[in-house]
Amino acid sequence: MRRELEAAHARGERTGALVFAEHADAVQADHAAVCGRLSDLASVGRELYAALRSFDEADATFIVAEACPEEGIGAAVMNRLRKAASGRILQV
């Protein structure tokens, strides 16, 4: 994620990163949205929409997001992230 954010920033993009609380200190972006805890996917489900809206408010033009396991609530979270990405998914 760091490499992609750095490249986007170098292109003049306003960068955003959707991260779990456990990794919030590890990411450098113009705007970082913490979306719950990976160890508590229910918190991610509750905070996801507000986090996604925050990128609009921050005028982010390039956004990366952490993935979570696709079990239980995680499947719904990943489904929403795929829709938000409009199919533009990069495995890093």
PDB file of N, CA and C in Angstrom:
ATOM      1  N   MET A   1       0.817  -1.179   0.000  1.00  0.00           N
ATOM      2  CA  MET A   1       0.000   0.000   0.000  1.00  0.00           C
ATOM      3  C   MET A   1       0.867   1.251   0.000  1.00  0.00           C
ATOM      4  N   ARG A   2       1.936   1.200   0.754  1.00  0.00           N
ATOM      5  CA  ARG A   2       2.817   2.364   0.855  1.00  0.00           C
ATOM      6  C   ARG A   2       3.362   2.759  -0.514  1.00  0.00           C
ATOM      7  N   ARG A   3       3.796   1.778  -1.286  1.00  0.00           N
ATOM      8  CA  ARG A   3       4.354   2.050  -2.618  1.00  0.00           C
ATOM      9  C   ARG A   3       3.304   2.686  -3.531  1.00  0.00           C
ATOM     10  N   GLU A   4       2.094   2.173  -3.508  1.00  0.00           N
ATOM     11  CA  GLU A   4       1.023   2.718  -4.347  1.00  0.00           C
ATOM     12  C   GLU A   4       0.657   4.138  -3.921  1.00  0.00           C
ATOM     13  N   LEU A   5       0.617   4.381  -2.619  1.00  0.00           N
ATOM     14  CA  LEU A   5       0.315   5.723  -2.129  1.00  0.00           C
ATOM     15  C   LEU A   5       1.410   6.708  -2.520  1.00  0.00           C
ATOM     16  N   GLU A   6       2.666   6.294  -2.408  1.00  0.00           N
ATOM     17  CA  GLU A   6       3.775   7.169  -2.787  1.00  0.00           C
ATOM     18  C   GLU A   6       3.729   7.503  -4.277  1.00  0.00           C
ATOM     19  N   ALA A   7       3.456   6.520  -5.104  1.00  0.00           N
ATOM     20  CA  ALA A   7       3.385   6.746  -6.551  1.00  0.00           C
ATOM     21  C   ALA A   7       2.231   7.688  -6.889  1.00  0.00           C
ATOM     22  N   ALA A   8       1.094   7.494  -6.258  1.00  0.00           N
ATOM     23  CA  ALA A   8      -0.060   8.356  -6.512  1.00  0.00           C
ATOM     24  C   ALA A   8       0.230   9.787  -6.063  1.00  0.00           C
ATOM     25  N   HIS A   9       0.862   9.931  -4.924  1.00  0.00           N
ATOM     26  CA  HIS A   9       1.217  11.260  -4.430  1.00  0.00           C
ATOM     27  C   HIS A   9       2.181  11.954  -5.398  1.00  0.00           C
ATOM     28  N   ALA A  10       3.139  11.198  -5.926  1.00  0.00           N
ATOM     29  CA  ALA A  10       4.096  11.748  -6.884  1.00  0.00           C
ATOM     30  C   ALA A  10       3.401  12.198  -8.173  1.00  0.00           C
ATOM     31  N   ARG A  11       2.282  11.568  -8.524  1.00  0.00           N
ATOM     32  CA  ARG A  11       1.509  11.958  -9.712  1.00  0.00           C
ATOM     33  C   ARG A  11       0.616  13.171  -9.445  1.00  0.00           C
ATOM     34  N   GLY A  12       0.613  13.631  -8.211  1.00  0.00           N
ATOM     35  CA  GLY A  12      -0.205  14.774  -7.866  1.00  0.00           C
ATOM     36  C   GLY A  12      -1.589  14.432  -7.343  1.00  0.00           C
ATOM     37  N   GLU A  13      -1.818  13.147  -7.068  1.00  0.00           N
ATOM     38  CA  GLU A  13      -3.112  12.713  -6.537  1.00  0.00           C
ATOM     39  C   GLU A  13      -3.230  13.115  -5.064  1.00  0.00           C
ATOM     40  N   ARG A  14      -4.443  13.332  -4.620  1.00  0.00           N
ATOM     41  CA  ARG A  14      -4.716  13.505  -3.186  1.00  0.00           C
ATOM     42  C   ARG A  14      -5.065  12.109  -2.684  1.00  0.00           C
ATOM     43  N   THR A  15      -4.222  11.552  -1.839  1.00  0.00           N
ATOM     44  CA  THR A  15      -4.315  10.143  -1.474  1.00  0.00           C
ATOM     45  C   THR A  15      -5.160   9.910  -0.230  1.00  0.00           C
ATOM     46  N   GLY A  16      -5.768   8.735  -0.215  1.00  0.00           N
ATOM     47  CA  GLY A  16      -6.542   8.293   0.929  1.00  0.00           C
ATOM     48  C   GLY A  16      -6.265   6.834   1.210  1.00  0.00           C
ATOM     49  N   ALA A  17      -6.359   6.461   2.475  1.00  0.00           N
ATOM     50  CA  ALA A  17      -6.148   5.067   2.866  1.00  0.00           C
ATOM     51  C   ALA A  17      -7.210   4.671   3.879  1.00  0.00           C
ATOM     52  N   LEU A  18      -7.880   3.571   3.603  1.00  0.00           N
ATOM     53  CA  LEU A  18      -8.856   2.989   4.524  1.00  0.00           C
ATOM     54  C   LEU A  18      -8.136   1.857   5.247  1.00  0.00           C
ATOM     55  N   VAL A  19      -7.952   2.024   6.543  1.00  0.00           N
ATOM     56  CA  VAL A  19      -7.154   1.066   7.302  1.00  0.00           C
ATOM     57  C   VAL A  19      -7.885   0.646   8.574  1.00  0.00           C
ATOM     58  N   PHE A  20      -7.459  -0.461   9.120  1.00  0.00           N
ATOM     59  CA  PHE A  20      -7.965  -0.927  10.399  1.00  0.00           C
ATOM     60  C   PHE A  20      -7.167  -0.255  11.507  1.00  0.00           C
ATOM     61  N   ALA A  21      -7.763  -0.123  12.667  1.00  0.00           N
ATOM     62  CA  ALA A  21      -7.127   0.567  13.784  1.00  0.00           C
ATOM     63  C   ALA A  21      -5.752  -0.021  14.114  1.00  0.00           C
ATOM     64  N   GLU A  22      -5.612  -1.325  13.933  1.00  0.00           N
ATOM     65  CA  GLU A  22      -4.339  -1.974  14.259  1.00  0.00           C
ATOM     66  C   GLU A  22      -3.188  -1.472  13.386  1.00  0.00           C
ATOM     67  N   HIS A  23      -3.494  -0.897  12.221  1.00  0.00           N
ATOM     68  CA  HIS A  23      -2.452  -0.477  11.279  1.00  0.00           C
ATOM     69  C   HIS A  23      -2.465   1.022  11.005  1.00  0.00           C
ATOM     70  N   ALA A  24      -3.205   1.779  11.768  1.00  0.00           N
ATOM     71  CA  ALA A  24      -3.389   3.206  11.496  1.00  0.00           C
ATOM     72  C   ALA A  24      -2.076   3.981  11.490  1.00  0.00           C
ATOM     73  N   ASP A  25      -1.131   3.603  12.320  1.00  0.00           N
ATOM     74  CA  ASP A  25       0.137   4.327  12.392  1.00  0.00           C
ATOM     75  C   ASP A  25       1.095   3.983  11.260  1.00  0.00           C
ATOM     76  N   ALA A  26       0.809   2.934  10.516  1.00  0.00           N
ATOM     77  CA  ALA A  26       1.747   2.452   9.505  1.00  0.00           C
ATOM     78  C   ALA A  26       1.526   3.065   8.126  1.00  0.00           C
ATOM     79  N   VAL A  27       0.476   3.830   7.944  1.00  0.00           N
ATOM     80  CA  VAL A  27       0.145   4.331   6.613  1.00  0.00           C
ATOM     81  C   VAL A  27       0.338   5.845   6.567  1.00  0.00           C
ATOM     82  N   GLN A  28       0.853   6.308   5.423  1.00  0.00           N
ATOM     83  CA  GLN A  28       1.008   7.742   5.204  1.00  0.00           C
ATOM     84  C   GLN A  28       0.227   8.120   3.965  1.00  0.00           C
ATOM     85  N   ALA A  29      -0.835   8.869   4.176  1.00  0.00           N
ATOM     86  CA  ALA A  29      -1.684   9.330   3.083  1.00  0.00           C
ATOM     87  C   ALA A  29      -2.153  10.735   3.450  1.00  0.00           C
ATOM     88  N   ASP A  30      -2.648  11.451   2.453  1.00  0.00           N
ATOM     89  CA  ASP A  30      -3.187  12.776   2.747  1.00  0.00           C
ATOM     90  C   ASP A  30      -4.375  12.674   3.700  1.00  0.00           C
ATOM     91  N   HIS A  31      -5.144  11.602   3.553  1.00  0.00           N
ATOM     92  CA  HIS A  31      -6.282  11.371   4.444  1.00  0.00           C
ATOM     93  C   HIS A  31      -6.342   9.879   4.760  1.00  0.00           C
ATOM     94  N   ALA A  32      -6.332   9.558   6.036  1.00  0.00           N
ATOM     95  CA  ALA A  32      -6.476   8.163   6.458  1.00  0.00           C
ATOM     96  C   ALA A  32      -7.783   8.039   7.237  1.00  0.00           C
ATOM     97  N   ALA A  33      -8.566   7.039   6.894  1.00  0.00           N
ATOM     98  CA  ALA A  33      -9.812   6.763   7.592  1.00  0.00           C
ATOM     99  C   ALA A  33      -9.673   5.425   8.298  1.00  0.00           C
ATOM    100  N   VAL A  34      -9.802   5.442   9.601  1.00  0.00           N
ATOM    101  CA  VAL A  34      -9.748   4.218  10.387  1.00  0.00           C
ATOM    102  C   VAL A  34     -11.156   3.649  10.433  1.00  0.00           C
ATOM    103  N   CYS A  35     -11.253   2.396  10.050  1.00  0.00           N
ATOM    104  CA  CYS A  35     -12.559   1.760   9.894  1.00  0.00           C
ATOM    105  C   CYS A  35     -12.680   0.566  10.829  1.00  0.00           C
ATOM    106  N   GLY A  36     -12.706   0.821  12.116  1.00  0.00           N
ATOM    107  CA  GLY A  36     -12.866  -0.267  13.063  1.00  0.00           C
ATOM    108  C   GLY A  36     -11.598  -1.084  13.243  1.00  0.00           C
ATOM    109  N   ARG A  37     -11.767  -2.202  13.914  1.00  0.00           N
ATOM    110  CA  ARG A  37     -10.636  -3.082  14.222  1.00  0.00           C
ATOM    111  C   ARG A  37     -10.761  -4.383  13.429  1.00  0.00           C
ATOM    112  N   LEU A  38      -9.662  -4.809  12.863  1.00  0.00           N
ATOM    113  CA  LEU A  38      -9.628  -6.079  12.141  1.00  0.00           C
ATOM    114  C   LEU A  38     -10.035  -7.224  13.068  1.00  0.00           C
ATOM    115  N   SER A  39      -9.694  -7.104  14.336  1.00  0.00           N
ATOM    116  CA  SER A  39     -10.046  -8.138  15.306  1.00  0.00           C
ATOM    117  C   SER A  39     -11.530  -8.089  15.696  1.00  0.00           C
ATOM    118  N   ASP A  40     -12.267  -7.074  15.211  1.00  0.00           N
ATOM    119  CA  ASP A  40     -13.698  -6.925  15.499  1.00  0.00           C
ATOM    120  C   ASP A  40     -14.390  -6.437  14.229  1.00  0.00           C
ATOM    121  N   LEU A  41     -14.659  -7.361  13.303  1.00  0.00           N
ATOM    122  CA  LEU A  41     -15.220  -6.971  12.007  1.00  0.00           C
ATOM    123  C   LEU A  41     -16.596  -6.326  12.128  1.00  0.00           C
ATOM    124  N   ALA A  42     -17.308  -6.562  13.220  1.00  0.00           N
ATOM    125  CA  ALA A  42     -18.584  -5.868  13.417  1.00  0.00           C
ATOM    126  C   ALA A  42     -18.342  -4.363  13.509  1.00  0.00           C
ATOM    127  N   SER A  43     -17.235  -3.943  14.124  1.00  0.00           N
ATOM    128  CA  SER A  43     -16.922  -2.512  14.205  1.00  0.00           C
ATOM    129  C   SER A  43     -16.617  -1.953  12.821  1.00  0.00           C
ATOM    130  N   VAL A  44     -16.004  -2.753  11.969  1.00  0.00           N
ATOM    131  CA  VAL A  44     -15.732  -2.331  10.598  1.00  0.00           C
ATOM    132  C   VAL A  44     -17.053  -2.123   9.862  1.00  0.00           C
ATOM    133  N   GLY A  45     -17.965  -3.060  10.010  1.00  0.00           N
ATOM    134  CA  GLY A  45     -19.265  -2.941   9.368  1.00  0.00           C
ATOM    135  C   GLY A  45     -20.000  -1.685   9.808  1.00  0.00           C
ATOM    136  N   ARG A  46     -19.899  -1.344  11.075  1.00  0.00           N
ATOM    137  CA  ARG A  46     -20.586  -0.148  11.601  1.00  0.00           C
ATOM    138  C   ARG A  46     -19.953   1.145  11.096  1.00  0.00           C
ATOM    139  N   GLU A  47     -18.657   1.157  10.864  1.00  0.00           N
ATOM    140  CA  GLU A  47     -17.940   2.390  10.550  1.00  0.00           C
ATOM    141  C   GLU A  47     -17.600   2.560   9.073  1.00  0.00           C
ATOM    142  N   LEU A  48     -17.906   1.569   8.261  1.00  0.00           N
ATOM    143  CA  LEU A  48     -17.474   1.578   6.865  1.00  0.00           C
ATOM    144  C   LEU A  48     -18.034   2.750   6.069  1.00  0.00           C
ATOM    145  N   TYR A  49     -19.330   2.975   6.128  1.00  0.00           N
ATOM    146  CA  TYR A  49     -19.924   4.022   5.290  1.00  0.00           C
ATOM    147  C   TYR A  49     -19.409   5.410   5.666  1.00  0.00           C
ATOM    148  N   ALA A  50     -19.274   5.689   6.945  1.00  0.00           N
ATOM    149  CA  ALA A  50     -18.736   6.986   7.375  1.00  0.00           C
ATOM    150  C   ALA A  50     -17.305   7.162   6.884  1.00  0.00           C
ATOM    151  N   ALA A  51     -16.527   6.083   6.936  1.00  0.00           N
ATOM    152  CA  ALA A  51     -15.145   6.159   6.463  1.00  0.00           C
ATOM    153  C   ALA A  51     -15.099   6.435   4.960  1.00  0.00           C
ATOM    154  N   LEU A  52     -15.949   5.754   4.198  1.00  0.00           N
ATOM    155  CA  LEU A  52     -15.977   5.980   2.751  1.00  0.00           C
ATOM    156  C   LEU A  52     -16.423   7.409   2.423  1.00  0.00           C
ATOM    157  N   ARG A  53     -17.411   7.921   3.141  1.00  0.00           N
ATOM    158  CA  ARG A  53     -17.861   9.305   2.920  1.00  0.00           C
ATOM    159  C   ARG A  53     -16.749  10.299   3.236  1.00  0.00           C
ATOM    160  N   SER A  54     -15.909   9.985   4.200  1.00  0.00           N
ATOM    161  CA  SER A  54     -14.845  10.915   4.585  1.00  0.00           C
ATOM    162  C   SER A  54     -13.865  11.160   3.438  1.00  0.00           C
ATOM    163  N   PHE A  55     -13.726  10.205   2.520  1.00  0.00           N
ATOM    164  CA  PHE A  55     -12.840  10.416   1.374  1.00  0.00           C
ATOM    165  C   PHE A  55     -13.407  11.476   0.428  1.00  0.00           C
ATOM    166  N   ASP A  56     -14.723  11.507   0.282  1.00  0.00           N
ATOM    167  CA  ASP A  56     -15.350  12.560  -0.513  1.00  0.00           C
ATOM    168  C   ASP A  56     -15.091  13.921   0.125  1.00  0.00           C
ATOM    169  N   GLU A  57     -15.271  13.997   1.424  1.00  0.00           N
ATOM    170  CA  GLU A  57     -15.057  15.251   2.140  1.00  0.00           C
ATOM    171  C   GLU A  57     -13.603  15.713   2.065  1.00  0.00           C
ATOM    172  N   ALA A  58     -12.678  14.765   1.987  1.00  0.00           N
ATOM    173  CA  ALA A  58     -11.250  15.090   1.921  1.00  0.00           C
ATOM    174  C   ALA A  58     -10.774  15.299   0.489  1.00  0.00           C
ATOM    175  N   ASP A  59     -11.668  15.173  -0.489  1.00  0.00           N
ATOM    176  CA  ASP A  59     -11.322  15.310  -1.912  1.00  0.00           C
ATOM    177  C   ASP A  59     -10.222  14.339  -2.346  1.00  0.00           C
ATOM    178  N   ALA A  60     -10.250  13.126  -1.797  1.00  0.00           N
ATOM    179  CA  ALA A  60      -9.266  12.111  -2.182  1.00  0.00           C
ATOM    180  C   ALA A  60      -9.525  11.661  -3.617  1.00  0.00           C
ATOM    181  N   THR A  61      -8.463  11.581  -4.408  1.00  0.00           N
ATOM    182  CA  THR A  61      -8.589  11.142  -5.796  1.00  0.00           C
ATOM    183  C   THR A  61      -8.007   9.751  -6.021  1.00  0.00           C
ATOM    184  N   PHE A  62      -7.240   9.245  -5.069  1.00  0.00           N
ATOM    185  CA  PHE A  62      -6.650   7.902  -5.156  1.00  0.00           C
ATOM    186  C   PHE A  62      -6.763   7.287  -3.771  1.00  0.00           C
ATOM    187  N   ILE A  63      -7.483   6.174  -3.674  1.00  0.00           N
ATOM    188  CA  ILE A  63      -7.753   5.558  -2.371  1.00  0.00           C
ATOM    189  C   ILE A  63      -7.337   4.098  -2.393  1.00  0.00           C
ATOM    190  N   VAL A  64      -6.666   3.686  -1.336  1.00  0.00           N
ATOM    191  CA  VAL A  64      -6.359   2.272  -1.133  1.00  0.00           C
ATOM    192  C   VAL A  64      -7.097   1.815   0.127  1.00  0.00           C
ATOM    193  N   ALA A  65      -7.400   0.531   0.193  1.00  0.00           N
ATOM    194  CA  ALA A  65      -8.117  -0.003   1.351  1.00  0.00           C
ATOM    195  C   ALA A  65      -7.546  -1.357   1.723  1.00  0.00           C
ATOM    196  N   GLU A  66      -7.461  -1.588   3.004  1.00  0.00           N
ATOM    197  CA  GLU A  66      -7.058  -2.908   3.481  1.00  0.00           C
ATOM    198  C   GLU A  66      -8.210  -3.881   3.283  1.00  0.00           C
ATOM    199  N   ALA A  67      -7.871  -5.107   3.011  1.00  0.00           N
ATOM    200  CA  ALA A  67      -8.872  -6.174   2.890  1.00  0.00           C
ATOM    201  C   ALA A  67      -9.011  -6.879   4.227  1.00  0.00           C
ATOM    202  N   CYS A  68     -10.098  -7.610   4.363  1.00  0.00           N
ATOM    203  CA  CYS A  68     -10.310  -8.414   5.564  1.00  0.00           C
ATOM    204  C   CYS A  68     -10.738  -9.811   5.127  1.00  0.00           C
ATOM    205  N   PRO A  69     -10.699 -10.761   6.044  1.00  0.00           N
ATOM    206  CA  PRO A  69     -11.156 -12.111   5.704  1.00  0.00           C
ATOM    207  C   PRO A  69     -12.620 -12.079   5.267  1.00  0.00           C
ATOM    208  N   GLU A  70     -12.943 -12.844   4.251  1.00  0.00           N
ATOM    209  CA  GLU A  70     -14.299 -12.850   3.693  1.00  0.00           C
ATOM    210  C   GLU A  70     -15.161 -13.915   4.342  1.00  0.00           C
ATOM    211  N   GLU A  71     -15.300 -13.819   5.644  1.00  0.00           N
ATOM    212  CA  GLU A  71     -16.147 -14.722   6.416  1.00  0.00           C
ATOM    213  C   GLU A  71     -17.105 -13.880   7.237  1.00  0.00           C
ATOM    214  N   GLY A  72     -18.341 -14.270   7.339  1.00  0.00           N
ATOM    215  CA  GLY A  72     -19.318 -13.544   8.137  1.00  0.00           C
ATOM    216  C   GLY A  72     -19.462 -12.108   7.664  1.00  0.00           C
ATOM    217  N   ILE A  73     -19.360 -11.172   8.576  1.00  0.00           N
ATOM    218  CA  ILE A  73     -19.475  -9.748   8.251  1.00  0.00           C
ATOM    219  C   ILE A  73     -18.394  -9.324   7.263  1.00  0.00           C
ATOM    220  N   GLY A  74     -17.250  -9.975   7.312  1.00  0.00           N
ATOM    221  CA  GLY A  74     -16.157  -9.656   6.393  1.00  0.00           C
ATOM    222  C   GLY A  74     -16.569  -9.802   4.934  1.00  0.00           C
ATOM    223  N   ALA A  75     -17.440 -10.749   4.626  1.00  0.00           N
ATOM    224  CA  ALA A  75     -17.913 -10.917   3.246  1.00  0.00           C
ATOM    225  C   ALA A  75     -18.699  -9.695   2.803  1.00  0.00           C
ATOM    226  N   ALA A  76     -19.531  -9.151   3.682  1.00  0.00           N
ATOM    227  CA  ALA A  76     -20.305  -7.953   3.348  1.00  0.00           C
ATOM    228  C   ALA A  76     -19.398  -6.738   3.204  1.00  0.00           C
ATOM    229  N   VAL A  77     -18.408  -6.619   4.077  1.00  0.00           N
ATOM    230  CA  VAL A  77     -17.453  -5.507   3.998  1.00  0.00           C
ATOM    231  C   VAL A  77     -16.712  -5.548   2.670  1.00  0.00           C
ATOM    232  N   MET A  78     -16.199  -6.716   2.306  1.00  0.00           N
ATOM    233  CA  MET A  78     -15.441  -6.825   1.059  1.00  0.00           C
ATOM    234  C   MET A  78     -16.338  -6.597  -0.153  1.00  0.00           C
ATOM    235  N   ASN A  79     -17.592  -7.031  -0.089  1.00  0.00           N
ATOM    236  CA  ASN A  79     -18.524  -6.779  -1.181  1.00  0.00           C
ATOM    237  C   ASN A  79     -18.693  -5.274  -1.376  1.00  0.00           C
ATOM    238  N   ARG A  80     -18.862  -4.535  -0.300  1.00  0.00           N
ATOM    239  CA  ARG A  80     -19.036  -3.080  -0.386  1.00  0.00           C
ATOM    240  C   ARG A  80     -17.775  -2.405  -0.913  1.00  0.00           C
ATOM    241  N   LEU A  81     -16.617  -2.873  -0.481  1.00  0.00           N
ATOM    242  CA  LEU A  81     -15.364  -2.284  -0.969  1.00  0.00           C
ATOM    243  C   LEU A  81     -15.184  -2.535  -2.466  1.00  0.00           C
ATOM    244  N   ARG A  82     -15.553  -3.725  -2.919  1.00  0.00           N
ATOM    245  CA  ARG A  82     -15.466  -4.009  -4.360  1.00  0.00           C
ATOM    246  C   ARG A  82     -16.378  -3.079  -5.155  1.00  0.00           C
ATOM    247  N   LYS A  83     -17.580  -2.850  -4.655  1.00  0.00           N
ATOM    248  CA  LYS A  83     -18.497  -1.942  -5.337  1.00  0.00           C
ATOM    249  C   LYS A  83     -17.940  -0.518  -5.341  1.00  0.00           C
ATOM    250  N   ALA A  84     -17.392  -0.088  -4.235  1.00  0.00           N
ATOM    251  CA  ALA A  84     -16.816   1.264  -4.159  1.00  0.00           C
ATOM    252  C   ALA A  84     -15.643   1.411  -5.103  1.00  0.00           C
ATOM    253  N   ALA A  85     -14.915   0.322  -5.344  1.00  0.00           N
ATOM    254  CA  ALA A  85     -13.750   0.359  -6.223  1.00  0.00           C
ATOM    255  C   ALA A  85     -14.135   0.219  -7.697  1.00  0.00           C
ATOM    256  N   SER A  86     -15.397  -0.015  -7.975  1.00  0.00           N
ATOM    257  CA  SER A  86     -15.871  -0.200  -9.349  1.00  0.00           C
ATOM    258  C   SER A  86     -15.034  -1.238 -10.102  1.00  0.00           C
ATOM    259  N   GLY A  87     -14.634  -2.275  -9.381  1.00  0.00           N
ATOM    260  CA  GLY A  87     -13.888  -3.358 -10.005  1.00  0.00           C
ATOM    261  C   GLY A  87     -12.399  -3.103 -10.180  1.00  0.00           C
ATOM    262  N   ARG A  88     -11.910  -1.937  -9.768  1.00  0.00           N
ATOM    263  CA  ARG A  88     -10.472  -1.618  -9.895  1.00  0.00           C
ATOM    264  C   ARG A  88      -9.758  -2.096  -8.634  1.00  0.00           C
ATOM    265  N   ILE A  89      -9.301  -3.315  -8.681  1.00  0.00           N
ATOM    266  CA  ILE A  89      -8.676  -3.928  -7.515  1.00  0.00           C
ATOM    267  C   ILE A  89      -7.245  -4.296  -7.857  1.00  0.00           C
ATOM    268  N   LEU A  90      -6.344  -3.903  -6.964  1.00  0.00           N
ATOM    269  CA  LEU A  90      -4.924  -4.183  -7.138  1.00  0.00           C
ATOM    270  C   LEU A  90      -4.468  -4.987  -5.925  1.00  0.00           C
ATOM    271  N   GLN A  91      -3.966  -6.166  -6.156  1.00  0.00           N
ATOM    272  CA  GLN A  91      -3.449  -6.998  -5.083  1.00  0.00           C
ATOM    273  C   GLN A  91      -2.014  -6.569  -4.771  1.00  0.00           C
ATOM    274  N   VAL A  92      -1.755  -6.208  -3.531  1.00  0.00           N
ATOM    275  CA  VAL A  92      -0.394  -5.832  -3.134  1.00  0.00           C
ATOM    276  C   VAL A  92       0.051  -6.640  -1.966  1.00  0.00           C
TER     277      VAL A  92
END
